[in-house]
Amino acid sequence: MLVIALFIILLGIIVTVPAFLFLLKPDSDWVRWIKKIPEDATLDDTDILGFRIIGLLNIGVGAALIVGSILKIFVW
């Protein structure tokens, strides 16, 4: 049971790290590579806002995975 909880914590970290990339630098080369956007294409404010919303949602999912697993380890 502990191994599964630790794996879920690792999964939460893997989800959260790219989410911070989407949130903090939505016009970076990595985000363009992940979303398959050409380098010469310009991004509108709506695109950047959409990337930030995706980042916030993924941070929430990652935080829920991490906190849920920590609670499962120590409380239940």
C-alpha atoms as a PDB file:
ATOM      1  CA  MET A   1       0.000   0.000   0.000  1.00  0.00           C
ATOM      2  CA  LEU A   2       2.880   2.334   0.752  1.00  0.00           C
ATOM      3  CA  VAL A   3       4.440   1.714  -2.665  1.00  0.00           C
ATOM      4  CA  ILE A   4       1.202   2.658  -4.407  1.00  0.00           C
ATOM      5  CA  ALA A   5       0.916   5.851  -2.362  1.00  0.00           C
ATOM      6  CA  LEU A   6       4.508   6.791  -3.178  1.00  0.00           C
ATOM      7  CA  PHE A   7       3.867   6.105  -6.864  1.00  0.00           C
ATOM      8  CA  ILE A   8       0.809   8.390  -6.749  1.00  0.00           C
ATOM      9  CA  ILE A   9       2.924  11.116  -5.101  1.00  0.00           C
ATOM     10  CA  LEU A  10       5.465  10.751  -7.919  1.00  0.00           C
ATOM     11  CA  LEU A  11       2.642  10.956 -10.460  1.00  0.00           C
ATOM     12  CA  GLY A  12       1.390  14.128  -8.771  1.00  0.00           C
ATOM     13  CA  ILE A  13       4.851  15.671  -9.033  1.00  0.00           C
ATOM     14  CA  ILE A  14       5.089  14.672 -12.694  1.00  0.00           C
ATOM     15  CA  VAL A  15       1.730  16.371 -13.344  1.00  0.00           C
ATOM     16  CA  THR A  16       2.557  19.494 -11.326  1.00  0.00           C
ATOM     17  CA  VAL A  17       5.957  20.359 -12.811  1.00  0.00           C
ATOM     18  CA  PRO A  18       4.758  20.921 -16.419  1.00  0.00           C
ATOM     19  CA  ALA A  19       1.712  22.701 -15.008  1.00  0.00           C
ATOM     20  CA  PHE A  20       3.975  25.338 -13.495  1.00  0.00           C
ATOM     21  CA  LEU A  21       5.620  25.686 -16.910  1.00  0.00           C
ATOM     22  CA  PHE A  22       2.226  26.320 -18.510  1.00  0.00           C
ATOM     23  CA  LEU A  23       1.322  28.788 -15.763  1.00  0.00           C
ATOM     24  CA  LEU A  24       4.526  30.816 -15.477  1.00  0.00           C
ATOM     25  CA  LYS A  25       5.835  30.818 -19.060  1.00  0.00           C
ATOM     26  CA  PRO A  26       2.945  30.123 -21.440  1.00  0.00           C
ATOM     27  CA  ASP A  27       4.889  31.398 -24.473  1.00  0.00           C
ATOM     28  CA  SER A  28       8.036  29.319 -23.938  1.00  0.00           C
ATOM     29  CA  ASP A  29       9.549  26.895 -26.428  1.00  0.00           C
ATOM     30  CA  TRP A  30       8.621  23.920 -24.248  1.00  0.00           C
ATOM     31  CA  VAL A  31       4.937  24.841 -24.231  1.00  0.00           C
ATOM     32  CA  ARG A  32       5.045  25.327 -27.996  1.00  0.00           C
ATOM     33  CA  TRP A  33       6.693  21.900 -28.356  1.00  0.00           C
ATOM     34  CA  ILE A  34       4.143  20.178 -26.095  1.00  0.00           C
ATOM     35  CA  LYS A  35       1.184  21.794 -27.888  1.00  0.00           C
ATOM     36  CA  LYS A  36       2.842  21.368 -31.352  1.00  0.00           C
ATOM     37  CA  ILE A  37       2.663  25.084 -32.195  1.00  0.00           C
ATOM     38  CA  PRO A  38       5.181  26.349 -34.787  1.00  0.00           C
ATOM     39  CA  GLU A  39       7.772  28.852 -33.586  1.00  0.00           C
ATOM     40  CA  ASP A  40       6.787  31.479 -36.120  1.00  0.00           C
ATOM     41  CA  ALA A  41       3.110  31.464 -35.094  1.00  0.00           C
ATOM     42  CA  THR A  42       2.003  34.268 -32.824  1.00  0.00           C
ATOM     43  CA  LEU A  43      -0.097  33.538 -29.779  1.00  0.00           C
ATOM     44  CA  ASP A  44      -3.073  35.692 -28.890  1.00  0.00           C
ATOM     45  CA  ASP A  45      -3.976  36.640 -25.350  1.00  0.00           C
ATOM     46  CA  THR A  46      -6.787  34.078 -25.435  1.00  0.00           C
ATOM     47  CA  ASP A  47      -4.295  31.295 -26.219  1.00  0.00           C
ATOM     48  CA  ILE A  48      -2.021  32.361 -23.376  1.00  0.00           C
ATOM     49  CA  LEU A  49      -4.997  32.598 -21.008  1.00  0.00           C
ATOM     50  CA  GLY A  50      -6.059  29.092 -22.047  1.00  0.00           C
ATOM     51  CA  PHE A  51      -2.564  27.763 -21.324  1.00  0.00           C
ATOM     52  CA  ARG A  52      -2.652  29.390 -17.877  1.00  0.00           C
ATOM     53  CA  ILE A  53      -6.048  27.873 -17.130  1.00  0.00           C
ATOM     54  CA  ILE A  54      -4.692  24.462 -18.149  1.00  0.00           C
ATOM     55  CA  GLY A  55      -1.754  25.058 -15.809  1.00  0.00           C
ATOM     56  CA  LEU A  56      -4.011  25.960 -12.888  1.00  0.00           C
ATOM     57  CA  LEU A  57      -6.205  22.906 -13.416  1.00  0.00           C
ATOM     58  CA  ASN A  58      -3.182  20.616 -13.613  1.00  0.00           C
ATOM     59  CA  ILE A  59      -1.704  22.125 -10.453  1.00  0.00           C
ATOM     60  CA  GLY A  60      -4.984  21.375  -8.699  1.00  0.00           C
ATOM     61  CA  VAL A  61      -4.984  17.781  -9.937  1.00  0.00           C
ATOM     62  CA  GLY A  62      -1.338  17.286  -8.971  1.00  0.00           C
ATOM     63  CA  ALA A  63      -1.869  18.830  -5.534  1.00  0.00           C
ATOM     64  CA  ALA A  64      -4.917  16.618  -4.960  1.00  0.00           C
ATOM     65  CA  LEU A  65      -2.887  13.528  -5.858  1.00  0.00           C
ATOM     66  CA  ILE A  66      -0.012  14.513  -3.582  1.00  0.00           C
ATOM     67  CA  VAL A  67      -2.136  15.551  -0.595  1.00  0.00           C
ATOM     68  CA  GLY A  68      -4.433  12.546  -0.935  1.00  0.00           C
ATOM     69  CA  SER A  69      -1.495  10.161  -0.939  1.00  0.00           C
ATOM     70  CA  ILE A  70       0.156  11.861   2.029  1.00  0.00           C
ATOM     71  CA  LEU A  71      -3.100  11.647   3.952  1.00  0.00           C
ATOM     72  CA  LYS A  72      -3.417   7.989   2.990  1.00  0.00           C
ATOM     73  CA  ILE A  73       0.079   7.282   4.299  1.00  0.00           C
ATOM     74  CA  PHE A  74      -0.124   9.146   7.616  1.00  0.00           C
ATOM     75  CA  VAL A  75      -3.801   9.321   8.558  1.00  0.00           C
ATOM     76  CA  TRP A  76      -5.528   6.202   7.250  1.00  0.00           C
END
